[in-house]
Amino acid sequence: MNEMELHHEPQTGTLLTAEGFTALQKELETLTTVKRGEIAERIRESQQHGEFSEDNSELDEVKLEQAMVETRIAELKTLFGNAQILDEASIPTDRVGIGSVVTLLDLQYHEQFEVRLVSSIEADPGRDLISNESPMGTAIYGIEPNTEVYFDAPEGRKKFKIVSITR
C-alpha cells in the first residue's frame, strides 16, 4: 500500500460505528421532537408578553438557539444521507482503521491505554473515541502493531507504541 492508501478512507460516505450511528439518531430525534418544541414555546411566550421589541436580548438569544438547532438538524440529516455503518467484521485488526480499538503505550510515561479510532463526527476524547482527523488519529491510522508513532500535539511531541489492535 502506498502512503495515500494508508491514510485516507475511500470517500464512500462517513463511516460510523453502530454505537455512534445510534447516538446521532437519538440526538436528531431529541432536536426535532423536544428541542424544537421548547424553542417554539419560548418564542410564543415572548409574543404573548409583548416582548417583541428591537432590543429584546432574550428573544435574540432564543432565535440564535433556534438557528443553531436547525443547523444541527440539517447537518445530521445530510450526514445520514451518506453515512455507512461499519460492519464489525470489516474493522481491521492487522492495522489501525476506522472502528479499531487500539492499545497504546505512552513511551514517555510508560502507561498503557486504549482508544477507538472513529470518524470526526462521533469523536469524543473524554470517552477515548479519537477522530481519524486528529493528530493522534492521523498518526496511528493504517499502522501495524508493534510500531512506534510520533506526532505533534498541542502539548508537544508525543511518542507511542501500538501494542495491539482489536475490534
N, C-alpha and C. Protein backbone atom coordinates (compact mmCIF):
# COMPACT_ATOMS: atom_id res chain seq x y z
N MET A 1 0.83 -1.18 0.00
CA MET A 1 0.00 0.00 0.00
C MET A 1 0.87 1.24 0.00
N ASN A 2 0.47 2.21 -0.77
CA ASN A 2 1.24 3.44 -0.75
C ASN A 2 0.75 4.36 0.37
N GLU A 3 1.46 5.45 0.58
CA GLU A 3 1.16 6.38 1.68
C GLU A 3 -0.28 6.90 1.62
N MET A 4 -0.76 7.25 0.43
CA MET A 4 -2.12 7.79 0.29
C MET A 4 -3.16 6.75 0.68
N GLU A 5 -2.96 5.50 0.31
CA GLU A 5 -3.92 4.46 0.64
C GLU A 5 -3.98 4.21 2.14
N LEU A 6 -2.85 4.35 2.82
CA LEU A 6 -2.81 4.09 4.24
C LEU A 6 -3.56 5.14 5.06
N HIS A 7 -3.55 6.37 4.63
CA HIS A 7 -4.04 7.43 5.49
C HIS A 7 -5.39 8.03 5.09
N HIS A 8 -6.08 7.46 4.12
CA HIS A 8 -7.36 8.02 3.74
C HIS A 8 -8.36 6.91 3.45
N GLU A 9 -9.54 7.04 4.03
CA GLU A 9 -10.63 6.12 3.75
C GLU A 9 -11.19 6.45 2.38
N PRO A 10 -11.69 5.46 1.66
CA PRO A 10 -12.34 5.78 0.40
C PRO A 10 -13.53 6.70 0.67
N GLN A 11 -13.78 7.63 -0.20
CA GLN A 11 -14.84 8.61 0.01
C GLN A 11 -16.19 8.03 -0.40
N THR A 12 -16.67 7.06 0.36
CA THR A 12 -17.96 6.44 0.08
C THR A 12 -19.00 6.90 1.08
N GLY A 13 -18.70 7.90 1.87
CA GLY A 13 -19.59 8.38 2.90
C GLY A 13 -18.89 8.33 4.24
N THR A 14 -19.54 8.89 5.23
CA THR A 14 -18.97 8.90 6.57
C THR A 14 -19.17 7.54 7.21
N LEU A 15 -18.09 6.97 7.69
CA LEU A 15 -18.16 5.68 8.37
C LEU A 15 -18.45 5.92 9.85
N LEU A 16 -19.49 5.25 10.34
CA LEU A 16 -19.88 5.38 11.74
C LEU A 16 -19.93 4.02 12.40
N THR A 17 -19.54 3.97 13.66
CA THR A 17 -19.75 2.75 14.42
C THR A 17 -21.25 2.62 14.67
N ALA A 18 -21.70 1.43 14.97
CA ALA A 18 -23.13 1.23 15.26
C ALA A 18 -23.55 2.08 16.45
N GLU A 19 -22.67 2.18 17.46
CA GLU A 19 -22.98 2.98 18.64
C GLU A 19 -23.07 4.46 18.28
N GLY A 20 -22.15 4.93 17.45
CA GLY A 20 -22.16 6.32 17.03
C GLY A 20 -23.39 6.66 16.21
N PHE A 21 -23.78 5.75 15.32
CA PHE A 21 -24.98 5.96 14.50
C PHE A 21 -26.21 6.09 15.38
N THR A 22 -26.33 5.19 16.36
CA THR A 22 -27.47 5.22 17.28
C THR A 22 -27.49 6.51 18.09
N ALA A 23 -26.34 6.94 18.59
CA ALA A 23 -26.26 8.17 19.38
C ALA A 23 -26.65 9.38 18.54
N LEU A 24 -26.21 9.43 17.29
CA LEU A 24 -26.56 10.55 16.43
C LEU A 24 -28.04 10.54 16.06
N GLN A 25 -28.61 9.34 15.89
CA GLN A 25 -30.05 9.24 15.64
C GLN A 25 -30.84 9.77 16.83
N LYS A 26 -30.41 9.42 18.04
CA LYS A 26 -31.08 9.91 19.25
C LYS A 26 -30.97 11.42 19.35
N GLU A 27 -29.80 11.96 19.01
CA GLU A 27 -29.62 13.41 19.04
C GLU A 27 -30.59 14.07 18.06
N LEU A 28 -30.69 13.54 16.85
CA LEU A 28 -31.61 14.11 15.86
C LEU A 28 -33.05 14.03 16.34
N GLU A 29 -33.43 12.91 16.91
CA GLU A 29 -34.79 12.76 17.42
C GLU A 29 -35.08 13.77 18.53
N THR A 30 -34.14 13.94 19.45
CA THR A 30 -34.31 14.91 20.54
C THR A 30 -34.42 16.33 20.01
N LEU A 31 -33.58 16.66 19.05
CA LEU A 31 -33.63 18.02 18.50
C LEU A 31 -34.95 18.29 17.79
N THR A 32 -35.45 17.31 17.03
CA THR A 32 -36.67 17.54 16.26
C THR A 32 -37.93 17.41 17.09
N THR A 33 -37.95 16.54 18.08
CA THR A 33 -39.20 16.32 18.84
C THR A 33 -39.26 17.09 20.15
N VAL A 34 -38.13 17.38 20.75
CA VAL A 34 -38.13 18.05 22.05
C VAL A 34 -37.64 19.50 21.92
N LYS A 35 -36.43 19.66 21.43
CA LYS A 35 -35.79 20.98 21.43
C LYS A 35 -36.56 21.99 20.58
N ARG A 36 -37.01 21.57 19.38
CA ARG A 36 -37.78 22.48 18.53
C ARG A 36 -39.02 22.98 19.26
N GLY A 37 -39.71 22.08 19.92
CA GLY A 37 -40.92 22.45 20.66
C GLY A 37 -40.64 23.40 21.80
N GLU A 38 -39.55 23.16 22.52
CA GLU A 38 -39.17 24.05 23.62
C GLU A 38 -38.89 25.46 23.12
N ILE A 39 -38.18 25.55 22.02
CA ILE A 39 -37.84 26.87 21.46
C ILE A 39 -39.10 27.57 20.96
N ALA A 40 -39.96 26.83 20.27
CA ALA A 40 -41.21 27.43 19.78
C ALA A 40 -42.05 27.95 20.94
N GLU A 41 -42.10 27.22 22.03
CA GLU A 41 -42.86 27.65 23.20
C GLU A 41 -42.27 28.92 23.80
N ARG A 42 -40.95 29.00 23.86
CA ARG A 42 -40.31 30.21 24.40
C ARG A 42 -40.58 31.42 23.51
N ILE A 43 -40.63 31.22 22.21
CA ILE A 43 -40.95 32.32 21.29
C ILE A 43 -42.41 32.74 21.47
N ARG A 44 -43.32 31.76 21.60
CA ARG A 44 -44.74 32.07 21.83
C ARG A 44 -44.93 32.87 23.12
N GLU A 45 -44.23 32.46 24.17
CA GLU A 45 -44.33 33.18 25.44
C GLU A 45 -43.87 34.63 25.29
N SER A 46 -42.82 34.84 24.54
CA SER A 46 -42.34 36.20 24.30
C SER A 46 -43.38 37.01 23.54
N GLN A 47 -44.04 36.38 22.57
CA GLN A 47 -45.08 37.08 21.79
C GLN A 47 -46.25 37.47 22.69
N GLN A 48 -46.67 36.54 23.54
CA GLN A 48 -47.83 36.79 24.40
C GLN A 48 -47.57 37.91 25.40
N HIS A 49 -46.34 38.06 25.78
CA HIS A 49 -45.99 39.09 26.75
C HIS A 49 -45.58 40.39 26.08
N GLY A 50 -45.75 40.44 24.77
CA GLY A 50 -45.40 41.66 24.03
C GLY A 50 -43.93 41.99 24.09
N GLU A 51 -43.09 40.96 24.15
CA GLU A 51 -41.66 41.18 24.30
C GLU A 51 -40.94 41.24 22.97
N PHE A 52 -41.67 41.57 21.90
CA PHE A 52 -41.04 41.66 20.59
C PHE A 52 -40.61 43.09 20.30
N SER A 53 -39.64 43.57 21.00
CA SER A 53 -39.09 44.88 20.71
C SER A 53 -37.72 44.69 20.09
N GLU A 54 -37.21 45.74 19.50
CA GLU A 54 -35.94 45.64 18.79
C GLU A 54 -34.78 45.32 19.71
N ASP A 55 -34.88 45.68 20.99
CA ASP A 55 -33.76 45.45 21.90
C ASP A 55 -34.06 44.34 22.91
N ASN A 56 -34.80 43.33 22.48
CA ASN A 56 -35.12 42.20 23.34
C ASN A 56 -34.01 41.16 23.22
N SER A 57 -33.06 41.20 24.12
CA SER A 57 -31.91 40.29 24.03
C SER A 57 -32.31 38.84 24.30
N GLU A 58 -33.32 38.63 25.14
CA GLU A 58 -33.76 37.26 25.41
C GLU A 58 -34.33 36.63 24.13
N LEU A 59 -35.12 37.38 23.39
CA LEU A 59 -35.67 36.87 22.14
C LEU A 59 -34.56 36.62 21.13
N ASP A 60 -33.58 37.50 21.09
CA ASP A 60 -32.44 37.32 20.20
C ASP A 60 -31.70 36.02 20.53
N GLU A 61 -31.54 35.74 21.83
CA GLU A 61 -30.87 34.50 22.26
C GLU A 61 -31.67 33.28 21.83
N VAL A 62 -32.99 33.33 21.96
CA VAL A 62 -33.84 32.20 21.57
C VAL A 62 -33.76 31.98 20.07
N LYS A 63 -33.77 33.07 19.31
CA LYS A 63 -33.68 32.95 17.85
C LYS A 63 -32.31 32.40 17.43
N LEU A 64 -31.26 32.79 18.13
CA LEU A 64 -29.93 32.25 17.85
C LEU A 64 -29.89 30.76 18.16
N GLU A 65 -30.46 30.39 19.30
CA GLU A 65 -30.52 28.97 19.66
C GLU A 65 -31.32 28.19 18.62
N GLN A 66 -32.43 28.78 18.15
CA GLN A 66 -33.25 28.13 17.13
C GLN A 66 -32.43 27.92 15.85
N ALA A 67 -31.67 28.91 15.46
CA ALA A 67 -30.84 28.80 14.26
C ALA A 67 -29.79 27.70 14.42
N MET A 68 -29.20 27.62 15.62
CA MET A 68 -28.19 26.58 15.86
C MET A 68 -28.81 25.19 15.83
N VAL A 69 -29.98 25.04 16.41
CA VAL A 69 -30.67 23.75 16.41
C VAL A 69 -31.03 23.35 14.98
N GLU A 70 -31.56 24.27 14.20
CA GLU A 70 -31.93 23.96 12.82
C GLU A 70 -30.71 23.62 11.98
N THR A 71 -29.60 24.30 12.23
CA THR A 71 -28.35 23.99 11.53
C THR A 71 -27.88 22.58 11.87
N ARG A 72 -27.93 22.22 13.15
CA ARG A 72 -27.51 20.89 13.57
C ARG A 72 -28.43 19.82 12.98
N ILE A 73 -29.72 20.07 12.95
CA ILE A 73 -30.67 19.12 12.35
C ILE A 73 -30.31 18.91 10.88
N ALA A 74 -30.05 19.99 10.16
CA ALA A 74 -29.68 19.88 8.75
C ALA A 74 -28.37 19.10 8.58
N GLU A 75 -27.39 19.36 9.45
CA GLU A 75 -26.11 18.63 9.39
C GLU A 75 -26.33 17.14 9.58
N LEU A 76 -27.14 16.78 10.58
CA LEU A 76 -27.37 15.37 10.86
C LEU A 76 -28.13 14.69 9.72
N LYS A 77 -29.13 15.37 9.16
CA LYS A 77 -29.87 14.79 8.04
C LYS A 77 -28.95 14.57 6.84
N THR A 78 -28.07 15.52 6.57
CA THR A 78 -27.10 15.36 5.49
C THR A 78 -26.16 14.20 5.78
N LEU A 79 -25.70 14.12 7.02
CA LEU A 79 -24.82 13.03 7.42
C LEU A 79 -25.47 11.67 7.18
N PHE A 80 -26.73 11.53 7.62
CA PHE A 80 -27.42 10.25 7.45
C PHE A 80 -27.66 9.92 5.98
N GLY A 81 -27.66 10.94 5.14
CA GLY A 81 -27.85 10.71 3.71
C GLY A 81 -26.68 9.99 3.06
N ASN A 82 -25.49 10.09 3.65
CA ASN A 82 -24.33 9.41 3.05
C ASN A 82 -23.51 8.62 4.07
N ALA A 83 -24.09 8.36 5.24
CA ALA A 83 -23.36 7.61 6.27
C ALA A 83 -23.44 6.12 6.02
N GLN A 84 -22.40 5.44 6.43
CA GLN A 84 -22.37 3.98 6.38
C GLN A 84 -22.02 3.47 7.76
N ILE A 85 -22.76 2.46 8.21
CA ILE A 85 -22.44 1.84 9.49
C ILE A 85 -21.35 0.81 9.25
N LEU A 86 -20.33 0.88 10.08
CA LEU A 86 -19.23 -0.08 9.97
C LEU A 86 -19.72 -1.49 10.26
N ASP A 87 -19.37 -2.40 9.40
CA ASP A 87 -19.60 -3.81 9.66
C ASP A 87 -18.48 -4.25 10.60
N GLU A 88 -18.86 -4.75 11.77
CA GLU A 88 -17.88 -5.15 12.79
C GLU A 88 -16.79 -6.06 12.19
N ALA A 89 -17.18 -6.96 11.32
CA ALA A 89 -16.22 -7.91 10.74
C ALA A 89 -15.23 -7.22 9.81
N SER A 90 -15.57 -6.04 9.29
CA SER A 90 -14.67 -5.35 8.36
C SER A 90 -13.65 -4.46 9.06
N ILE A 91 -13.77 -4.31 10.38
CA ILE A 91 -12.81 -3.48 11.12
C ILE A 91 -11.49 -4.24 11.19
N PRO A 92 -10.43 -3.64 10.67
CA PRO A 92 -9.15 -4.36 10.62
C PRO A 92 -8.52 -4.55 12.00
N THR A 93 -7.80 -5.65 12.15
CA THR A 93 -7.02 -5.88 13.37
C THR A 93 -5.54 -6.02 13.05
N ASP A 94 -5.19 -6.05 11.76
CA ASP A 94 -3.78 -6.13 11.36
C ASP A 94 -3.15 -4.76 11.21
N ARG A 95 -3.99 -3.73 11.16
CA ARG A 95 -3.55 -2.34 11.07
C ARG A 95 -4.68 -1.49 11.63
N VAL A 96 -4.40 -0.25 11.99
CA VAL A 96 -5.41 0.62 12.57
C VAL A 96 -6.32 1.18 11.46
N GLY A 97 -7.62 1.03 11.67
CA GLY A 97 -8.61 1.57 10.74
C GLY A 97 -9.75 2.18 11.52
N ILE A 98 -10.72 2.75 10.81
CA ILE A 98 -11.89 3.32 11.48
C ILE A 98 -12.61 2.18 12.21
N GLY A 99 -12.88 2.40 13.49
CA GLY A 99 -13.54 1.40 14.32
C GLY A 99 -12.57 0.56 15.14
N SER A 100 -11.29 0.59 14.82
CA SER A 100 -10.31 -0.21 15.56
C SER A 100 -10.16 0.29 16.99
N VAL A 101 -10.04 -0.67 17.92
CA VAL A 101 -9.70 -0.37 19.30
C VAL A 101 -8.19 -0.60 19.40
N VAL A 102 -7.47 0.44 19.75
CA VAL A 102 -6.01 0.41 19.72
C VAL A 102 -5.47 0.55 21.14
N THR A 103 -4.64 -0.41 21.53
CA THR A 103 -3.93 -0.32 22.81
C THR A 103 -2.59 0.34 22.52
N LEU A 104 -2.35 1.45 23.21
CA LEU A 104 -1.14 2.23 23.01
C LEU A 104 -0.31 2.26 24.28
N LEU A 105 0.99 2.35 24.10
CA LEU A 105 1.91 2.53 25.22
C LEU A 105 2.54 3.90 25.06
N ASP A 106 2.33 4.77 26.04
CA ASP A 106 2.95 6.09 26.05
C ASP A 106 4.42 5.88 26.38
N LEU A 107 5.30 6.17 25.43
CA LEU A 107 6.72 5.90 25.61
C LEU A 107 7.40 6.88 26.57
N GLN A 108 6.75 8.01 26.84
CA GLN A 108 7.32 8.95 27.80
C GLN A 108 6.98 8.56 29.23
N TYR A 109 5.73 8.18 29.47
CA TYR A 109 5.27 7.88 30.83
C TYR A 109 5.14 6.39 31.11
N HIS A 110 5.35 5.56 30.10
CA HIS A 110 5.27 4.10 30.23
C HIS A 110 3.92 3.65 30.76
N GLU A 111 2.86 4.32 30.27
CA GLU A 111 1.49 3.95 30.64
C GLU A 111 0.78 3.44 29.40
N GLN A 112 -0.03 2.41 29.61
CA GLN A 112 -0.78 1.80 28.53
C GLN A 112 -2.25 2.23 28.62
N PHE A 113 -2.88 2.48 27.48
CA PHE A 113 -4.29 2.87 27.44
C PHE A 113 -4.88 2.48 26.10
N GLU A 114 -6.22 2.52 26.02
CA GLU A 114 -6.93 2.17 24.80
C GLU A 114 -7.70 3.36 24.25
N VAL A 115 -7.75 3.44 22.93
CA VAL A 115 -8.59 4.41 22.24
C VAL A 115 -9.29 3.67 21.10
N ARG A 116 -10.40 4.25 20.66
CA ARG A 116 -11.07 3.71 19.47
C ARG A 116 -11.03 4.80 18.41
N LEU A 117 -10.57 4.45 17.22
CA LEU A 117 -10.48 5.40 16.12
C LEU A 117 -11.85 5.48 15.43
N VAL A 118 -12.40 6.68 15.37
CA VAL A 118 -13.72 6.89 14.78
C VAL A 118 -13.67 8.09 13.84
N SER A 119 -14.73 8.28 13.07
CA SER A 119 -14.81 9.46 12.22
C SER A 119 -14.98 10.69 13.11
N SER A 120 -14.67 11.84 12.58
CA SER A 120 -14.67 13.05 13.40
C SER A 120 -16.05 13.38 13.97
N ILE A 121 -17.12 13.00 13.29
CA ILE A 121 -18.47 13.34 13.75
C ILE A 121 -18.82 12.65 15.07
N GLU A 122 -18.23 11.49 15.35
CA GLU A 122 -18.55 10.81 16.60
C GLU A 122 -17.39 10.81 17.60
N ALA A 123 -16.36 11.60 17.31
CA ALA A 123 -15.21 11.68 18.22
C ALA A 123 -15.63 12.27 19.57
N ASP A 124 -15.06 11.70 20.63
CA ASP A 124 -15.30 12.18 21.99
C ASP A 124 -14.09 11.76 22.83
N PRO A 125 -13.05 12.61 22.85
CA PRO A 125 -11.82 12.24 23.56
C PRO A 125 -12.05 11.86 25.02
N GLY A 126 -13.05 12.44 25.66
CA GLY A 126 -13.36 12.11 27.05
C GLY A 126 -13.79 10.66 27.22
N ARG A 127 -14.29 10.05 26.16
CA ARG A 127 -14.69 8.64 26.17
C ARG A 127 -13.71 7.78 25.37
N ASP A 128 -12.52 8.33 25.09
CA ASP A 128 -11.46 7.66 24.34
C ASP A 128 -11.87 7.30 22.91
N LEU A 129 -12.75 8.10 22.32
CA LEU A 129 -13.12 7.97 20.91
C LEU A 129 -12.35 9.05 20.16
N ILE A 130 -11.32 8.63 19.44
CA ILE A 130 -10.38 9.56 18.83
C ILE A 130 -10.68 9.71 17.34
N SER A 131 -10.76 10.95 16.88
CA SER A 131 -11.03 11.24 15.47
C SER A 131 -9.88 10.80 14.58
N ASN A 132 -10.24 10.26 13.42
CA ASN A 132 -9.23 9.90 12.44
C ASN A 132 -8.56 11.15 11.86
N GLU A 133 -9.12 12.34 12.12
CA GLU A 133 -8.55 13.58 11.62
C GLU A 133 -7.70 14.30 12.67
N SER A 134 -7.69 13.79 13.90
CA SER A 134 -6.90 14.41 14.96
C SER A 134 -5.42 14.07 14.75
N PRO A 135 -4.53 14.80 15.43
CA PRO A 135 -3.10 14.46 15.29
C PRO A 135 -2.81 13.00 15.64
N MET A 136 -3.37 12.50 16.74
CA MET A 136 -3.14 11.10 17.11
C MET A 136 -3.77 10.17 16.07
N GLY A 137 -4.99 10.45 15.68
CA GLY A 137 -5.69 9.60 14.72
C GLY A 137 -4.96 9.50 13.39
N THR A 138 -4.47 10.63 12.92
CA THR A 138 -3.72 10.65 11.67
C THR A 138 -2.43 9.85 11.80
N ALA A 139 -1.78 9.95 12.96
CA ALA A 139 -0.51 9.26 13.18
C ALA A 139 -0.67 7.74 13.24
N ILE A 140 -1.76 7.26 13.84
CA ILE A 140 -1.90 5.81 14.03
C ILE A 140 -2.65 5.13 12.89
N TYR A 141 -3.40 5.89 12.08
CA TYR A 141 -4.21 5.29 11.02
C TYR A 141 -3.33 4.51 10.04
N GLY A 142 -3.71 3.26 9.79
CA GLY A 142 -3.00 2.43 8.82
C GLY A 142 -1.75 1.77 9.36
N ILE A 143 -1.43 1.99 10.62
CA ILE A 143 -0.19 1.48 11.20
C ILE A 143 -0.43 0.11 11.84
N GLU A 144 0.58 -0.73 11.80
CA GLU A 144 0.50 -2.10 12.32
C GLU A 144 0.94 -2.16 13.78
N PRO A 145 0.56 -3.24 14.49
CA PRO A 145 1.01 -3.41 15.88
C PRO A 145 2.54 -3.44 15.98
N ASN A 146 3.03 -3.12 17.16
CA ASN A 146 4.45 -3.10 17.48
C ASN A 146 5.22 -2.03 16.71
N THR A 147 4.52 -0.99 16.30
CA THR A 147 5.14 0.12 15.58
C THR A 147 5.08 1.36 16.47
N GLU A 148 6.17 2.12 16.47
CA GLU A 148 6.20 3.37 17.21
C GLU A 148 5.71 4.49 16.31
N VAL A 149 4.90 5.37 16.88
CA VAL A 149 4.38 6.52 16.14
C VAL A 149 4.69 7.79 16.90
N TYR A 150 4.91 8.85 16.15
CA TYR A 150 5.23 10.16 16.71
C TYR A 150 4.32 11.20 16.06
N PHE A 151 3.88 12.15 16.84
CA PHE A 151 3.10 13.24 16.27
C PHE A 151 3.17 14.44 17.20
N ASP A 152 2.87 15.59 16.61
CA ASP A 152 2.87 16.83 17.38
C ASP A 152 1.47 17.12 17.86
N ALA A 153 1.35 17.30 19.16
CA ALA A 153 0.08 17.65 19.80
C ALA A 153 0.23 19.04 20.40
N PRO A 154 -0.87 19.66 20.80
CA PRO A 154 -0.76 21.00 21.40
C PRO A 154 0.20 21.03 22.60
N GLU A 155 0.32 19.91 23.32
CA GLU A 155 1.22 19.86 24.49
C GLU A 155 2.65 19.55 24.11
N GLY A 156 2.92 19.30 22.84
CA GLY A 156 4.27 18.96 22.40
C GLY A 156 4.30 17.63 21.66
N ARG A 157 5.49 17.16 21.37
CA ARG A 157 5.68 15.92 20.61
C ARG A 157 5.32 14.71 21.47
N LYS A 158 4.49 13.83 20.91
CA LYS A 158 4.05 12.61 21.60
C LYS A 158 4.66 11.40 20.92
N LYS A 159 4.98 10.39 21.74
CA LYS A 159 5.58 9.16 21.23
C LYS A 159 4.84 7.97 21.83
N PHE A 160 4.28 7.14 20.96
CA PHE A 160 3.53 5.97 21.40
C PHE A 160 3.97 4.74 20.62
N LYS A 161 3.70 3.60 21.22
CA LYS A 161 3.89 2.34 20.53
C LYS A 161 2.53 1.66 20.46
N ILE A 162 2.18 1.16 19.28
CA ILE A 162 0.93 0.43 19.13
C ILE A 162 1.16 -0.99 19.65
N VAL A 163 0.49 -1.32 20.74
CA VAL A 163 0.67 -2.61 21.39
C VAL A 163 -0.20 -3.66 20.72
N SER A 164 -1.48 -3.34 20.52
CA SER A 164 -2.39 -4.28 19.87
C SER A 164 -3.56 -3.55 19.24
N ILE A 165 -4.24 -4.27 18.35
CA ILE A 165 -5.41 -3.72 17.66
C ILE A 165 -6.52 -4.78 17.70
N THR A 166 -7.70 -4.37 18.18
CA THR A 166 -8.85 -5.27 18.23
C THR A 166 -10.07 -4.57 17.66
N ARG A 167 -11.17 -5.30 17.64
CA ARG A 167 -12.43 -4.71 17.20
C ARG A 167 -13.19 -4.28 18.41
